[in-house]
PDB file of all heavy atoms in Angstrom:
ATOM      1  N   GLY A   1     158.815  27.910  69.679  1.00  0.00           N
ATOM      2  CA  GLY A   1     159.500  28.967  70.416  1.00  0.00           C
ATOM      3  C   GLY A   1     160.711  28.528  71.205  1.00  0.00           C
ATOM      4  O   GLY A   1     161.498  29.356  71.651  1.00  0.00           O
ATOM      5  N   GLY A   2     160.873  27.215  71.422  1.00  0.00           N
ATOM      6  CA  GLY A   2     162.002  26.739  72.200  1.00  0.00           C
ATOM      7  C   GLY A   2     162.227  25.255  71.989  1.00  0.00           C
ATOM      8  O   GLY A   2     161.289  24.518  71.666  1.00  0.00           O
ATOM      9  N   LEU A   3     163.478  24.795  72.190  1.00  0.00           N
ATOM     10  CA  LEU A   3     163.847  23.397  71.980  1.00  0.00           C
ATOM     11  C   LEU A   3     164.741  22.924  73.117  1.00  0.00           C
ATOM     12  O   LEU A   3     165.658  23.635  73.536  1.00  0.00           O
ATOM     13  CB  LEU A   3     164.598  23.235  70.654  1.00  0.00           C
ATOM     14  CG  LEU A   3     163.839  23.605  69.373  1.00  0.00           C
ATOM     15  CD1 LEU A   3     164.804  23.654  68.191  1.00  0.00           C
ATOM     16  CD2 LEU A   3     162.723  22.611  69.107  1.00  0.00           C
ATOM     17  N   THR A   4     164.493  21.693  73.592  1.00  0.00           N
ATOM     18  CA  THR A   4     165.304  21.082  74.643  1.00  0.00           C
ATOM     19  C   THR A   4     165.409  19.589  74.346  1.00  0.00           C
ATOM     20  O   THR A   4     164.416  18.967  73.959  1.00  0.00           O
ATOM     21  CB  THR A   4     164.664  21.273  76.036  1.00  0.00           C
ATOM     22  OG1 THR A   4     164.489  22.671  76.283  1.00  0.00           O
ATOM     23  CG2 THR A   4     165.521  20.668  77.137  1.00  0.00           C
ATOM     24  N   GLU A   5     166.587  18.995  74.541  1.00  0.00           N
ATOM     25  CA  GLU A   5     166.766  17.560  74.340  1.00  0.00           C
ATOM     26  C   GLU A   5     166.846  16.865  75.690  1.00  0.00           C
ATOM     27  O   GLU A   5     167.561  17.320  76.592  1.00  0.00           O
ATOM     28  CB  GLU A   5     168.042  17.289  73.541  1.00  0.00           C
ATOM     29  CG  GLU A   5     168.220  15.813  73.172  1.00  0.00           C
ATOM     30  CD  GLU A   5     169.483  15.546  72.372  1.00  0.00           C
ATOM     31  OE1 GLU A   5     170.422  16.370  72.470  1.00  0.00           O
ATOM     32  OE2 GLU A   5     169.547  14.533  71.657  1.00  0.00           O
ATOM     33  N   ASP A   6     166.121  15.740  75.855  1.00  0.00           N
ATOM     34  CA  ASP A   6     166.195  14.989  77.099  1.00  0.00           C
ATOM     35  C   ASP A   6     167.252  13.893  77.000  1.00  0.00           C
ATOM     36  O   ASP A   6     167.876  13.694  75.957  1.00  0.00           O
ATOM     37  CB  ASP A   6     164.825  14.442  77.511  1.00  0.00           C
ATOM     38  CG  ASP A   6     164.256  13.406  76.549  1.00  0.00           C
ATOM     39  OD1 ASP A   6     165.037  12.632  75.958  1.00  0.00           O
ATOM     40  OD2 ASP A   6     163.019  13.350  76.388  1.00  0.00           O
ATOM     41  N   GLU A   7     167.470  13.168  78.102  1.00  0.00           N
ATOM     42  CA  GLU A   7     168.568  12.199  78.138  1.00  0.00           C
ATOM     43  C   GLU A   7     168.332  10.988  77.235  1.00  0.00           C
ATOM     44  O   GLU A   7     169.279  10.247  76.928  1.00  0.00           O
ATOM     45  CB  GLU A   7     168.822  11.735  79.567  1.00  0.00           C
ATOM     46  CG  GLU A   7     167.756  10.836  80.156  1.00  0.00           C
ATOM     47  CD  GLU A   7     168.261  10.113  81.406  1.00  0.00           C
ATOM     48  OE1 GLU A   7     169.440  10.270  81.768  1.00  0.00           O
ATOM     49  OE2 GLU A   7     167.451   9.395  82.011  1.00  0.00           O
ATOM     50  N   LEU A   8     167.092  10.783  76.798  1.00  0.00           N
ATOM     51  CA  LEU A   8     166.788   9.680  75.890  1.00  0.00           C
ATOM     52  C   LEU A   8     166.873  10.089  74.428  1.00  0.00           C
ATOM     53  O   LEU A   8     166.616   9.277  73.537  1.00  0.00           O
ATOM     54  CB  LEU A   8     165.390   9.125  76.197  1.00  0.00           C
ATOM     55  CG  LEU A   8     165.162   8.610  77.616  1.00  0.00           C
ATOM     56  CD1 LEU A   8     163.738   8.081  77.755  1.00  0.00           C
ATOM     57  CD2 LEU A   8     166.182   7.534  77.984  1.00  0.00           C
ATOM     58  N   GLY A   9     167.209  11.345  74.186  1.00  0.00           N
ATOM     59  CA  GLY A   9     167.294  11.837  72.818  1.00  0.00           C
ATOM     60  C   GLY A   9     165.998  12.425  72.300  1.00  0.00           C
ATOM     61  O   GLY A   9     165.933  12.818  71.132  1.00  0.00           O
ATOM     62  N   GLY A  10     164.969  12.490  73.134  1.00  0.00           N
ATOM     63  CA  GLY A  10     163.714  13.118  72.733  1.00  0.00           C
ATOM     64  C   GLY A  10     163.857  14.628  72.672  1.00  0.00           C
ATOM     65  O   GLY A  10     164.597  15.234  73.447  1.00  0.00           O
ATOM     66  N   LEU A  11     163.147  15.223  71.732  1.00  0.00           N
ATOM     67  CA  LEU A  11     163.209  16.667  71.523  1.00  0.00           C
ATOM     68  C   LEU A  11     161.925  17.299  72.036  1.00  0.00           C
ATOM     69  O   LEU A  11     160.834  16.971  71.569  1.00  0.00           O
ATOM     70  CB  LEU A  11     163.382  16.956  70.030  1.00  0.00           C
ATOM     71  CG  LEU A  11     163.839  18.348  69.635  1.00  0.00           C
ATOM     72  CD1 LEU A  11     165.246  18.617  70.160  1.00  0.00           C
ATOM     73  CD2 LEU A  11     163.808  18.502  68.117  1.00  0.00           C
ATOM     74  N   TRP A  12     162.053  18.211  73.016  1.00  0.00           N
ATOM     75  CA  TRP A  12     160.907  18.907  73.607  1.00  0.00           C
ATOM     76  C   TRP A  12     160.736  20.243  72.919  1.00  0.00           C
ATOM     77  O   TRP A  12     161.691  21.000  72.762  1.00  0.00           O
ATOM     78  CB  TRP A  12     161.105  19.081  75.102  1.00  0.00           C
ATOM     79  CG  TRP A  12     161.043  17.766  75.826  1.00  0.00           C
ATOM     80  CD1 TRP A  12     162.037  16.840  75.929  1.00  0.00           C
ATOM     81  CD2 TRP A  12     159.908  17.218  76.492  1.00  0.00           C
ATOM     82  NE1 TRP A  12     161.594  15.753  76.625  1.00  0.00           N
ATOM     83  CE2 TRP A  12     160.295  15.950  76.994  1.00  0.00           C
ATOM     84  CE3 TRP A  12     158.614  17.669  76.735  1.00  0.00           C
ATOM     85  CZ2 TRP A  12     159.420  15.134  77.706  1.00  0.00           C
ATOM     86  CZ3 TRP A  12     157.753  16.863  77.450  1.00  0.00           C
ATOM     87  CH2 TRP A  12     158.149  15.613  77.927  1.00  0.00           C
ATOM     88  N   ILE A  13     159.496  20.524  72.531  1.00  0.00           N
ATOM     89  CA  ILE A  13     159.201  21.658  71.659  1.00  0.00           C
ATOM     90  C   ILE A  13     158.180  22.556  72.336  1.00  0.00           C
ATOM     91  O   ILE A  13     157.079  22.123  72.681  1.00  0.00           O
ATOM     92  CB  ILE A  13     158.640  21.157  70.315  1.00  0.00           C
ATOM     93  CG1 ILE A  13     159.660  20.227  69.649  1.00  0.00           C
ATOM     94  CG2 ILE A  13     158.276  22.318  69.405  1.00  0.00           C
ATOM     95  CD1 ILE A  13     159.040  19.239  68.701  1.00  0.00           C
ATOM     96  N   GLN A  14     158.561  23.807  72.556  1.00  0.00           N
ATOM     97  CA  GLN A  14     157.635  24.799  73.092  1.00  0.00           C
ATOM     98  C   GLN A  14     156.807  25.371  71.949  1.00  0.00           C
ATOM     99  O   GLN A  14     157.349  25.994  71.035  1.00  0.00           O
ATOM    100  CB  GLN A  14     158.393  25.923  73.796  1.00  0.00           C
ATOM    101  CG  GLN A  14     159.155  25.469  75.027  1.00  0.00           C
ATOM    102  CD  GLN A  14     160.052  26.554  75.591  1.00  0.00           C
ATOM    103  OE1 GLN A  14     161.223  26.315  75.896  1.00  0.00           O
ATOM    104  NE2 GLN A  14     159.508  27.753  75.731  1.00  0.00           N
ATOM    105  N   LEU A  15     155.497  25.146  72.017  1.00  0.00           N
ATOM    106  CA  LEU A  15     154.602  25.633  70.983  1.00  0.00           C
ATOM    107  C   LEU A  15     154.044  26.997  71.361  1.00  0.00           C
ATOM    108  O   LEU A  15     154.224  27.475  72.482  1.00  0.00           O
ATOM    109  CB  LEU A  15     153.476  24.622  70.760  1.00  0.00           C
ATOM    110  CG  LEU A  15     153.933  23.231  70.302  1.00  0.00           C
ATOM    111  CD1 LEU A  15     152.761  22.273  70.256  1.00  0.00           C
ATOM    112  CD2 LEU A  15     154.623  23.299  68.948  1.00  0.00           C
ATOM    113  N   GLY A  16     153.350  27.610  70.439  1.00  0.00           N
ATOM    114  CA  GLY A  16     152.933  28.987  70.640  1.00  0.00           C
ATOM    115  C   GLY A  16     151.820  29.198  71.629  1.00  0.00           C
ATOM    116  O   GLY A  16     151.812  30.197  72.344  1.00  0.00           O
ATOM    117  N   ALA A  17     150.870  28.293  71.728  1.00  0.00           N
ATOM    118  CA  ALA A  17     149.695  28.551  72.562  1.00  0.00           C
ATOM    119  C   ALA A  17     149.261  27.283  73.278  1.00  0.00           C
ATOM    120  O   ALA A  17     148.662  26.392  72.686  1.00  0.00           O
ATOM    121  CB  ALA A  17     148.539  29.090  71.717  1.00  0.00           C
ATOM    122  N   GLY A  18     149.613  27.208  74.551  1.00  0.00           N
ATOM    123  CA  GLY A  18     148.999  26.207  75.408  1.00  0.00           C
ATOM    124  C   GLY A  18     149.530  24.806  75.332  1.00  0.00           C
ATOM    125  O   GLY A  18     148.890  23.885  75.840  1.00  0.00           O
ATOM    126  N   GLY A  19     150.690  24.583  74.743  1.00  0.00           N
ATOM    127  CA  GLY A  19     151.113  23.202  74.641  1.00  0.00           C
ATOM    128  C   GLY A  19     152.599  22.988  74.478  1.00  0.00           C
ATOM    129  O   GLY A  19     153.360  23.913  74.186  1.00  0.00           O
ATOM    130  N   VAL A  20     152.964  21.723  74.677  1.00  0.00           N
ATOM    131  CA  VAL A  20     154.338  21.266  74.516  1.00  0.00           C
ATOM    132  C   VAL A  20     154.269  19.943  73.757  1.00  0.00           C
ATOM    133  O   VAL A  20     153.363  19.139  73.982  1.00  0.00           O
ATOM    134  CB  VAL A  20     155.019  21.050  75.877  1.00  0.00           C
ATOM    135  CG1 VAL A  20     156.371  20.376  75.725  1.00  0.00           C
ATOM    136  CG2 VAL A  20     155.175  22.373  76.616  1.00  0.00           C
ATOM    137  N   ASP A  21     155.225  19.712  72.868  1.00  0.00           N
ATOM    138  CA  ASP A  21     155.352  18.427  72.186  1.00  0.00           C
ATOM    139  C   ASP A  21     156.686  17.789  72.537  1.00  0.00           C
ATOM    140  O   ASP A  21     157.677  18.482  72.803  1.00  0.00           O
ATOM    141  CB  ASP A  21     155.301  18.602  70.661  1.00  0.00           C
ATOM    142  CG  ASP A  21     153.885  18.704  70.125  1.00  0.00           C
ATOM    143  OD1 ASP A  21     152.934  18.681  70.926  1.00  0.00           O
ATOM    144  OD2 ASP A  21     153.737  18.806  68.895  1.00  0.00           O
ATOM    145  N   ARG A  22     156.703  16.446  72.510  1.00  0.00           N
ATOM    146  CA  ARG A  22     157.967  15.711  72.560  1.00  0.00           C
ATOM    147  C   ARG A  22     158.078  14.900  71.276  1.00  0.00           C
ATOM    148  O   ARG A  22     157.180  14.125  70.936  1.00  0.00           O
ATOM    149  CB  ARG A  22     158.031  14.774  73.765  1.00  0.00           C
ATOM    150  CG  ARG A  22     159.351  13.978  73.847  1.00  0.00           C
ATOM    151  CD  ARG A  22     159.362  13.020  75.027  1.00  0.00           C
ATOM    152  NE  ARG A  22     160.655  12.373  75.192  1.00  0.00           N
ATOM    153  CZ  ARG A  22     161.010  11.201  74.640  1.00  0.00           C
ATOM    154  NH1 ARG A  22     160.138  10.546  73.857  1.00  0.00           N
ATOM    155  NH2 ARG A  22     162.209  10.687  74.848  1.00  0.00           N
ATOM    156  N   TYR A  23     159.186  15.084  70.568  1.00  0.00           N
ATOM    157  CA  TYR A  23     159.415  14.372  69.322  1.00  0.00           C
ATOM    158  C   TYR A  23     160.356  13.211  69.572  1.00  0.00           C
ATOM    159  O   TYR A  23     161.450  13.375  70.130  1.00  0.00           O
ATOM    160  CB  TYR A  23     160.013  15.312  68.271  1.00  0.00           C
ATOM    161  CG  TYR A  23     160.318  14.650  66.955  1.00  0.00           C
ATOM    162  CD1 TYR A  23     159.303  14.128  66.163  1.00  0.00           C
ATOM    163  CD2 TYR A  23     161.629  14.546  66.494  1.00  0.00           C
ATOM    164  CE1 TYR A  23     159.584  13.526  64.941  1.00  0.00           C
ATOM    165  CE2 TYR A  23     161.916  13.947  65.275  1.00  0.00           C
ATOM    166  CZ  TYR A  23     160.886  13.436  64.505  1.00  0.00           C
ATOM    167  OH  TYR A  23     161.164  12.831  63.302  1.00  0.00           O
ATOM    168  N   ASP A  24     159.928  12.013  69.173  1.00  0.00           N
ATOM    169  CA  ASP A  24     160.751  10.815  69.272  1.00  0.00           C
ATOM    170  C   ASP A  24     161.424  10.613  67.913  1.00  0.00           C
ATOM    171  O   ASP A  24     160.767  10.225  66.945  1.00  0.00           O
ATOM    172  CB  ASP A  24     159.874   9.611  69.616  1.00  0.00           C
ATOM    173  CG  ASP A  24     160.667   8.326  69.803  1.00  0.00           C
ATOM    174  OD1 ASP A  24     161.768   8.206  69.223  1.00  0.00           O
ATOM    175  OD2 ASP A  24     160.181   7.433  70.518  1.00  0.00           O
ATOM    176  N   PRO A  25     162.749  10.877  67.804  1.00  0.00           N
ATOM    177  CA  PRO A  25     163.389  10.802  66.495  1.00  0.00           C
ATOM    178  C   PRO A  25     163.523   9.382  65.952  1.00  0.00           C
ATOM    179  O   PRO A  25     163.705   9.203  64.744  1.00  0.00           O
ATOM    180  CB  PRO A  25     164.773  11.421  66.746  1.00  0.00           C
ATOM    181  CG  PRO A  25     165.010  11.236  68.198  1.00  0.00           C
ATOM    182  CD  PRO A  25     163.667  11.315  68.855  1.00  0.00           C
ATOM    183  N   GLU A  26     163.441   8.378  66.811  1.00  0.00           N
ATOM    184  CA  GLU A  26     163.517   6.999  66.338  1.00  0.00           C
ATOM    185  C   GLU A  26     162.205   6.567  65.701  1.00  0.00           C
ATOM    186  O   GLU A  26     162.177   5.966  64.626  1.00  0.00           O
ATOM    187  CB  GLU A  26     163.875   6.068  67.499  1.00  0.00           C
ATOM    188  CG  GLU A  26     165.232   6.366  68.137  1.00  0.00           C
ATOM    189  CD  GLU A  26     166.382   6.160  67.173  1.00  0.00           C
ATOM    190  OE1 GLU A  26     166.266   5.290  66.286  1.00  0.00           O
ATOM    191  OE2 GLU A  26     167.399   6.872  67.299  1.00  0.00           O
ATOM    192  N   ARG A  27     161.101   6.875  66.377  1.00  0.00           N
ATOM    193  CA  ARG A  27     159.778   6.505  65.863  1.00  0.00           C
ATOM    194  C   ARG A  27     159.195   7.580  64.949  1.00  0.00           C
ATOM    195  O   ARG A  27     158.198   7.348  64.262  1.00  0.00           O
ATOM    196  CB  ARG A  27     158.827   6.241  67.033  1.00  0.00           C
ATOM    197  CG  ARG A  27     159.304   5.129  67.964  1.00  0.00           C
ATOM    198  CD  ARG A  27     158.544   5.152  69.275  1.00  0.00           C
ATOM    199  NE  ARG A  27     157.121   4.919  69.086  1.00  0.00           N
ATOM    200  CZ  ARG A  27     156.187   5.248  69.972  1.00  0.00           C
ATOM    201  NH1 ARG A  27     156.527   5.875  71.103  1.00  0.00           N
ATOM    202  NH2 ARG A  27     154.928   4.982  69.728  1.00  0.00           N
ATOM    203  N   GLU A  28     159.770   8.778  64.989  1.00  0.00           N
ATOM    204  CA  GLU A  28     159.335   9.910  64.178  1.00  0.00           C
ATOM    205  C   GLU A  28     157.878  10.271  64.448  1.00  0.00           C
ATOM    206  O   GLU A  28     157.095  10.495  63.520  1.00  0.00           O
ATOM    207  CB  GLU A  28     159.580   9.648  62.687  1.00  0.00           C
ATOM    208  CG  GLU A  28     161.050   9.485  62.340  1.00  0.00           C
ATOM    209  CD  GLU A  28     161.316   9.526  60.845  1.00  0.00           C
ATOM    210  OE1 GLU A  28     160.368   9.271  60.070  1.00  0.00           O
ATOM    211  OE2 GLU A  28     162.462   9.827  60.454  1.00  0.00           O
ATOM    212  N   ILE A  29     157.520  10.332  65.719  1.00  0.00           N
ATOM    213  CA  ILE A  29     156.178  10.758  66.108  1.00  0.00           C
ATOM    214  C   ILE A  29     156.275  11.795  67.228  1.00  0.00           C
ATOM    215  O   ILE A  29     157.271  11.862  67.947  1.00  0.00           O
ATOM    216  CB  ILE A  29     155.294   9.577  66.575  1.00  0.00           C
ATOM    217  CG1 ILE A  29     155.891   8.911  67.812  1.00  0.00           C
ATOM    218  CG2 ILE A  29     155.100   8.573  65.439  1.00  0.00           C
ATOM    219  CD1 ILE A  29     154.965   7.875  68.414  1.00  0.00           C
ATOM    220  N   PHE A  30     155.216  12.599  67.340  1.00  0.00           N
ATOM    221  CA  PHE A  30     155.131  13.631  68.362  1.00  0.00           C
ATOM    222  C   PHE A  30     154.108  13.205  69.422  1.00  0.00           C
ATOM    223  O   PHE A  30     153.043  12.682  69.092  1.00  0.00           O
ATOM    224  CB  PHE A  30     154.678  14.958  67.760  1.00  0.00           C
ATOM    225  CG  PHE A  30     155.684  15.603  66.853  1.00  0.00           C
ATOM    226  CD1 PHE A  30     155.788  15.213  65.519  1.00  0.00           C
ATOM    227  CD2 PHE A  30     156.522  16.602  67.314  1.00  0.00           C
ATOM    228  CE1 PHE A  30     156.707  15.810  64.671  1.00  0.00           C
ATOM    229  CE2 PHE A  30     157.452  17.202  66.474  1.00  0.00           C
ATOM    230  CZ  PHE A  30     157.542  16.795  65.153  1.00  0.00           C
ATOM    231  N   THR A  31     154.430  13.451  70.688  1.00  0.00           N
ATOM    232  CA  THR A  31     153.483  13.303  71.791  1.00  0.00           C
ATOM    233  C   THR A  31     153.081  14.697  72.225  1.00  0.00           C
ATOM    234  O   THR A  31     153.929  15.568  72.431  1.00  0.00           O
ATOM    235  CB  THR A  31     154.114  12.553  72.975  1.00  0.00           C
ATOM    236  OG1 THR A  31     154.525  11.252  72.551  1.00  0.00           O
ATOM    237  CG2 THR A  31     153.126  12.415  74.128  1.00  0.00           C
ATOM    238  N   HIS A  32     151.772  14.916  72.375  1.00  0.00           N
ATOM    239  CA  HIS A  32     151.261  16.241  72.718  1.00  0.00           C
ATOM    240  C   HIS A  32     150.932  16.318  74.214  1.00  0.00           C
ATOM    241  O   HIS A  32     150.386  15.378  74.789  1.00  0.00           O
ATOM    242  CB  HIS A  32     149.999  16.551  71.921  1.00  0.00           C
ATOM    243  CG  HIS A  32     150.132  16.318  70.445  1.00  0.00           C
ATOM    244  ND1 HIS A  32     151.108  16.932  69.683  1.00  0.00           N
ATOM    245  CD2 HIS A  32     149.432  15.526  69.590  1.00  0.00           C
ATOM    246  CE1 HIS A  32     150.994  16.528  68.427  1.00  0.00           C
ATOM    247  NE2 HIS A  32     149.986  15.677  68.349  1.00  0.00           N
ATOM    248  N   TYR A  33     151.259  17.462  74.819  1.00  0.00           N
ATOM    249  CA  TYR A  33     150.941  17.734  76.225  1.00  0.00           C
ATOM    250  C   TYR A  33     150.147  19.031  76.267  1.00  0.00           C
ATOM    251  O   TYR A  33     150.671  20.098  75.939  1.00  0.00           O
ATOM    252  CB  TYR A  33     152.206  17.883  77.063  1.00  0.00           C
ATOM    253  CG  TYR A  33     153.097  16.658  77.047  1.00  0.00           C
ATOM    254  CD1 TYR A  33     154.043  16.484  76.035  1.00  0.00           C
ATOM    255  CD2 TYR A  33     152.997  15.687  78.018  1.00  0.00           C
ATOM    256  CE1 TYR A  33     154.859  15.370  75.996  1.00  0.00           C
ATOM    257  CE2 TYR A  33     153.811  14.560  77.998  1.00  0.00           C
ATOM    258  CZ  TYR A  33     154.732  14.411  76.983  1.00  0.00           C
ATOM    259  OH  TYR A  33     155.546  13.304  76.955  1.00  0.00           O
ATOM    260  N   SER A  34     148.889  18.930  76.670  1.00  0.00           N
ATOM    261  CA  SER A  34     148.056  20.119  76.826  1.00  0.00           C
ATOM    262  C   SER A  34     148.085  20.533  78.286  1.00  0.00           C
ATOM    263  O   SER A  34     147.646  19.795  79.168  1.00  0.00           O
ATOM    264  CB  SER A  34     146.617  19.831  76.380  1.00  0.00           C
ATOM    265  OG  SER A  34     145.818  20.991  76.534  1.00  0.00           O
ATOM    266  N   LEU A  35     148.623  21.702  78.561  1.00  0.00           N
ATOM    267  CA  LEU A  35     148.810  22.159  79.935  1.00  0.00           C
ATOM    268  C   LEU A  35     147.685  23.067  80.417  1.00  0.00           C
ATOM    269  O   LEU A  35     147.610  23.368  81.600  1.00  0.00           O
ATOM    270  CB  LEU A  35     150.141  22.914  80.053  1.00  0.00           C
ATOM    271  CG  LEU A  35     151.383  22.206  79.496  1.00  0.00           C
ATOM    272  CD1 LEU A  35     152.612  23.093  79.676  1.00  0.00           C
ATOM    273  CD2 LEU A  35     151.595  20.866  80.160  1.00  0.00           C
ATOM    274  N   THR A  36     146.810  23.486  79.520  1.00  0.00           N
ATOM    275  CA  THR A  36     145.793  24.480  79.859  1.00  0.00           C
ATOM    276  C   THR A  36     144.560  23.823  80.486  1.00  0.00           C
ATOM    277  O   THR A  36     143.953  22.945  79.863  1.00  0.00           O
ATOM    278  CB  THR A  36     145.367  25.252  78.599  1.00  0.00           C
ATOM    279  OG1 THR A  36     146.527  25.820  77.982  1.00  0.00           O
ATOM    280  CG2 THR A  36     144.382  26.353  78.954  1.00  0.00           C
ATOM    281  N   PRO A  37     144.187  24.211  81.709  1.00  0.00           N
ATOM    282  CA  PRO A  37     142.959  23.674  82.321  1.00  0.00           C
ATOM    283  C   PRO A  37     141.729  24.083  81.520  1.00  0.00           C
ATOM    284  O   PRO A  37     141.743  25.109  80.824  1.00  0.00           O
ATOM    285  CB  PRO A  37     142.955  24.320  83.713  1.00  0.00           C
ATOM    286  CG  PRO A  37     144.347  24.800  83.946  1.00  0.00           C
ATOM    287  CD  PRO A  37     144.888  25.155  82.594  1.00  0.00           C
ATOM    288  N   PRO A  38     140.655  23.306  81.607  1.00  0.00           N
ATOM    289  CA  PRO A  38     139.425  23.656  80.886  1.00  0.00           C
ATOM    290  C   PRO A  38     138.930  25.053  81.274  1.00  0.00           C
ATOM    291  O   PRO A  38     138.879  25.414  82.445  1.00  0.00           O
ATOM    292  CB  PRO A  38     138.431  22.579  81.352  1.00  0.00           C
ATOM    293  CG  PRO A  38     139.287  21.420  81.740  1.00  0.00           C
ATOM    294  CD  PRO A  38     140.533  22.013  82.328  1.00  0.00           C
ATOM    295  N   GLY A  39     138.592  25.842  80.276  1.00  0.00           N
ATOM    296  CA  GLY A  39     138.053  27.173  80.499  1.00  0.00           C
ATOM    297  C   GLY A  39     139.080  28.241  80.791  1.00  0.00           C
ATOM    298  O   GLY A  39     138.729  29.415  80.936  1.00  0.00           O
ATOM    299  N   ALA A  40     140.354  27.885  80.875  1.00  0.00           N
ATOM    300  CA  ALA A  40     141.396  28.855  81.197  1.00  0.00           C
ATOM    301  C   ALA A  40     142.040  29.395  79.920  1.00  0.00           C
ATOM    302  O   ALA A  40     141.899  28.825  78.841  1.00  0.00           O
ATOM    303  CB  ALA A  40     142.459  28.221  82.088  1.00  0.00           C
TER     304      ALA A  40
END
């Protein structure tokens, strides 16, 4: 749903439900961030 680039060249990705990813274009891997508290 959305894209933002940080100063290191990482790509931040707004996902549809409950999460954000950061894509490292050099290593070609995604880091996942789960923002939703348990049970919420």
